[in-house]
């Protein structure tokens, strides 16, 4: 008879992320996430696995199917340790598409691939195509956006959406 250890599948090792996920949250938020992580990690091995999720959901009165649990686990590119747990929540909380998707959406209106869209053309696109925005919504979007000589710099804007202002990054790097 095979032991429980030999029957469980090994998940690939978590890939190291290049960004510092801990900088996305305030220390108090990180502590709350750590408490939640520890509640889910039923066997205290510092990794959330199938059995941990099953036990946690069962304790909440749920009767999850294996496919549901596997679907949750497959949202992560590897094992779910605390850093991966924070990364997953950070992605969900930020609620934005990956940087490449945002960039590609803007670049579809830049046939010469210059990285710029004339501001008036951008306003026209936003108010007449797809989910039409009001002039006030476009004004709010463009408030503080990188616009120089009437050209909207969508490459820089995409970077701002995903990474914040350069001063913010520099201040975080200087922090003790």
Protein backbone atom coordinates (compact mmCIF):
# COMPACT_ATOMS: atom_id res chain seq x y z
CA UNK A 1 0.00 0.00 0.00
CA UNK A 2 1.44 3.39 -0.99
CA UNK A 3 1.79 6.02 1.66
CA UNK A 4 0.01 9.36 1.39
CA UNK A 5 3.35 11.02 0.66
CA UNK A 6 4.06 8.91 -2.42
CA UNK A 7 0.55 9.39 -3.82
CA UNK A 8 0.58 13.19 -3.82
CA UNK A 9 1.81 14.99 -6.89
CA UNK A 10 4.73 17.36 -6.56
CA UNK A 11 4.05 20.85 -7.83
CA UNK A 12 6.86 22.67 -9.60
CA UNK A 13 9.05 24.88 -7.45
CA UNK A 14 7.88 28.46 -7.19
CA UNK A 15 9.70 30.78 -9.55
CA UNK A 16 11.34 33.79 -7.97
CA UNK A 17 9.58 37.02 -8.79
CA UNK A 18 11.73 39.97 -9.81
CA UNK A 19 9.55 42.62 -8.17
CA UNK A 20 9.23 43.10 -4.45
CA UNK A 21 5.66 42.06 -3.72
CA UNK A 22 6.04 43.21 -0.12
CA UNK A 23 6.27 46.83 -1.30
CA UNK A 24 2.70 46.58 -2.65
CA UNK A 25 1.21 46.45 0.86
CA UNK A 26 1.41 48.31 4.13
CA UNK A 27 3.00 46.36 7.02
CA UNK A 28 -0.41 46.00 8.68
CA UNK A 29 -1.84 44.47 5.49
CA UNK A 30 1.07 42.05 5.26
CA UNK A 31 0.41 40.96 8.84
CA UNK A 32 -3.28 40.36 8.04
CA UNK A 33 -2.31 38.32 4.96
CA UNK A 34 0.15 36.32 7.07
CA UNK A 35 -2.61 35.51 9.56
CA UNK A 36 -4.92 34.43 6.73
CA UNK A 37 -2.15 32.36 5.16
CA UNK A 38 -1.50 30.60 8.48
CA UNK A 39 -5.21 29.83 8.88
CA UNK A 40 -5.31 28.24 5.43
CA UNK A 41 -2.02 26.37 5.89
CA UNK A 42 -3.62 23.68 8.03
CA UNK A 43 -0.54 21.45 8.30
CA UNK A 44 1.86 24.34 9.03
CA UNK A 45 4.37 23.41 6.33
CA UNK A 46 4.47 27.02 4.96
CA UNK A 47 2.87 25.90 1.69
CA UNK A 48 -0.81 25.90 0.79
CA UNK A 49 -1.67 22.66 -0.99
CA UNK A 50 -4.76 20.68 -1.98
CA UNK A 51 -5.31 19.21 1.48
CA UNK A 52 -4.96 22.62 3.16
CA UNK A 53 -7.62 24.14 0.93
CA UNK A 54 -9.91 21.13 1.34
CA UNK A 55 -9.71 21.26 5.14
CA UNK A 56 -10.13 25.04 5.28
CA UNK A 57 -13.15 25.08 2.94
CA UNK A 58 -14.71 22.11 4.75
CA UNK A 59 -14.32 23.93 8.08
CA UNK A 60 -16.31 26.79 6.52
CA UNK A 61 -19.17 24.43 5.68
CA UNK A 62 -18.30 24.07 2.00
CA UNK A 63 -18.09 20.82 0.09
CA UNK A 64 -15.61 21.66 -2.67
CA UNK A 65 -14.92 19.34 -5.58
CA UNK A 66 -11.33 18.41 -6.36
CA UNK A 67 -11.57 20.26 -9.67
CA UNK A 68 -12.47 23.50 -7.86
CA UNK A 69 -9.53 23.18 -5.51
CA UNK A 70 -7.19 22.28 -8.35
CA UNK A 71 -8.44 25.33 -10.25
CA UNK A 72 -7.56 27.54 -7.28
CA UNK A 73 -4.10 26.01 -7.01
CA UNK A 74 -3.47 26.35 -10.73
CA UNK A 75 -3.82 30.12 -10.53
CA UNK A 76 -0.28 30.11 -9.15
CA UNK A 77 2.69 29.26 -11.40
CA UNK A 78 4.17 27.03 -8.68
CA UNK A 79 3.77 26.15 -5.03
CA UNK A 80 1.87 28.65 -2.93
CA UNK A 81 4.22 29.88 -0.26
CA UNK A 82 3.60 33.17 1.53
CA UNK A 83 5.31 35.27 -1.15
CA UNK A 84 3.24 33.64 -3.90
CA UNK A 85 0.11 34.10 -1.76
CA UNK A 86 0.85 37.85 -1.54
CA UNK A 87 1.58 38.01 -5.26
CA UNK A 88 -1.75 36.39 -6.12
CA UNK A 89 -3.67 38.76 -3.86
CA UNK A 90 -1.70 41.74 -5.14
CA UNK A 91 -2.62 40.88 -8.72
CA UNK A 92 -6.29 40.47 -7.77
CA UNK A 93 -6.39 43.65 -5.68
CA UNK A 94 -4.66 45.80 -8.26
CA UNK A 95 -7.34 44.73 -10.70
CA UNK A 96 -5.43 45.64 -13.82
CA UNK A 97 -4.30 43.68 -16.82
CA UNK A 98 -0.68 42.68 -17.30
CA UNK A 99 1.59 45.48 -18.55
CA UNK A 100 1.93 43.93 -22.01
CA UNK A 101 -1.87 43.78 -22.49
CA UNK A 102 -2.28 47.45 -21.53
CA UNK A 103 0.60 48.48 -23.80
CA UNK A 104 -0.79 46.47 -26.72
CA UNK A 105 -4.23 48.05 -26.32
CA UNK A 106 -2.72 51.52 -26.64
CA UNK A 107 -0.33 50.53 -29.44
CA UNK A 108 -3.25 49.46 -31.63
CA UNK A 109 -3.91 53.21 -32.04
CA UNK A 110 -0.26 53.94 -32.85
CA UNK A 111 0.33 52.49 -36.33
CA UNK A 112 3.91 53.82 -36.48
CA UNK A 113 4.76 52.37 -33.05
CA UNK A 114 6.14 55.68 -31.76
CA UNK A 115 4.87 55.25 -28.20
CA UNK A 116 2.68 58.33 -28.57
CA UNK A 117 -0.93 59.04 -29.50
CA UNK A 118 -2.05 62.61 -30.22
CA UNK A 119 -4.06 63.73 -27.17
CA UNK A 120 -7.06 64.84 -29.25
CA UNK A 121 -7.11 61.49 -31.08
CA UNK A 122 -6.94 59.68 -27.74
CA UNK A 123 -9.87 61.76 -26.42
CA UNK A 124 -11.84 60.95 -29.56
CA UNK A 125 -11.12 57.21 -29.18
CA UNK A 126 -12.14 57.19 -25.52
CA UNK A 127 -15.42 59.05 -26.11
CA UNK A 128 -16.56 57.37 -29.33
CA UNK A 129 -15.37 53.75 -29.31
CA UNK A 130 -16.15 50.70 -27.16
CA UNK A 131 -17.25 51.60 -23.63
CA UNK A 132 -17.63 55.30 -24.29
CA UNK A 133 -16.26 57.58 -21.62
CA UNK A 134 -17.56 61.04 -20.79
CA UNK A 135 -15.34 64.07 -21.32
CA UNK A 136 -15.06 64.37 -17.53
CA UNK A 137 -13.85 60.76 -17.21
CA UNK A 138 -11.22 61.34 -19.91
CA UNK A 139 -10.13 64.56 -18.16
CA UNK A 140 -9.72 62.60 -14.92
CA UNK A 141 -7.76 59.85 -16.68
CA UNK A 142 -5.42 62.33 -18.32
CA UNK A 143 -4.89 64.42 -15.17
CA UNK A 144 -1.20 63.88 -14.45
CA UNK A 145 -0.74 61.65 -17.49
CA UNK A 146 2.48 62.00 -19.48
CA UNK A 147 1.46 64.43 -22.23
CA UNK A 148 4.07 66.57 -23.97
CA UNK A 149 3.35 68.94 -26.86
CA UNK A 150 -0.10 67.39 -27.31
CA UNK A 151 1.21 63.81 -27.46
CA UNK A 152 0.04 61.19 -24.96
CA UNK A 153 2.99 58.93 -24.04
CA UNK A 154 1.22 55.61 -23.59
CA UNK A 155 4.43 53.68 -22.86
CA UNK A 156 5.15 55.87 -19.86
CA UNK A 157 1.47 55.86 -18.88
CA UNK A 158 1.43 52.04 -18.91
CA UNK A 159 4.54 52.03 -16.70
CA UNK A 160 2.83 54.48 -14.32
CA UNK A 161 -0.26 52.28 -14.08
CA UNK A 162 1.75 49.18 -13.23
CA UNK A 163 4.67 50.61 -11.25
CA UNK A 164 3.75 54.09 -9.99
CA UNK A 165 5.69 57.32 -10.32
CA UNK A 166 9.46 57.23 -10.63
CA UNK A 167 9.80 59.33 -7.46
CA UNK A 168 7.80 56.70 -5.55
CA UNK A 169 10.20 53.96 -6.71
CA UNK A 170 13.24 56.07 -5.84
CA UNK A 171 11.85 56.83 -2.38
CA UNK A 172 11.16 53.13 -1.76
CA UNK A 173 14.70 52.24 -2.79
CA UNK A 174 16.13 54.87 -0.38
CA UNK A 175 13.96 53.77 2.54
CA UNK A 176 15.95 51.98 5.28
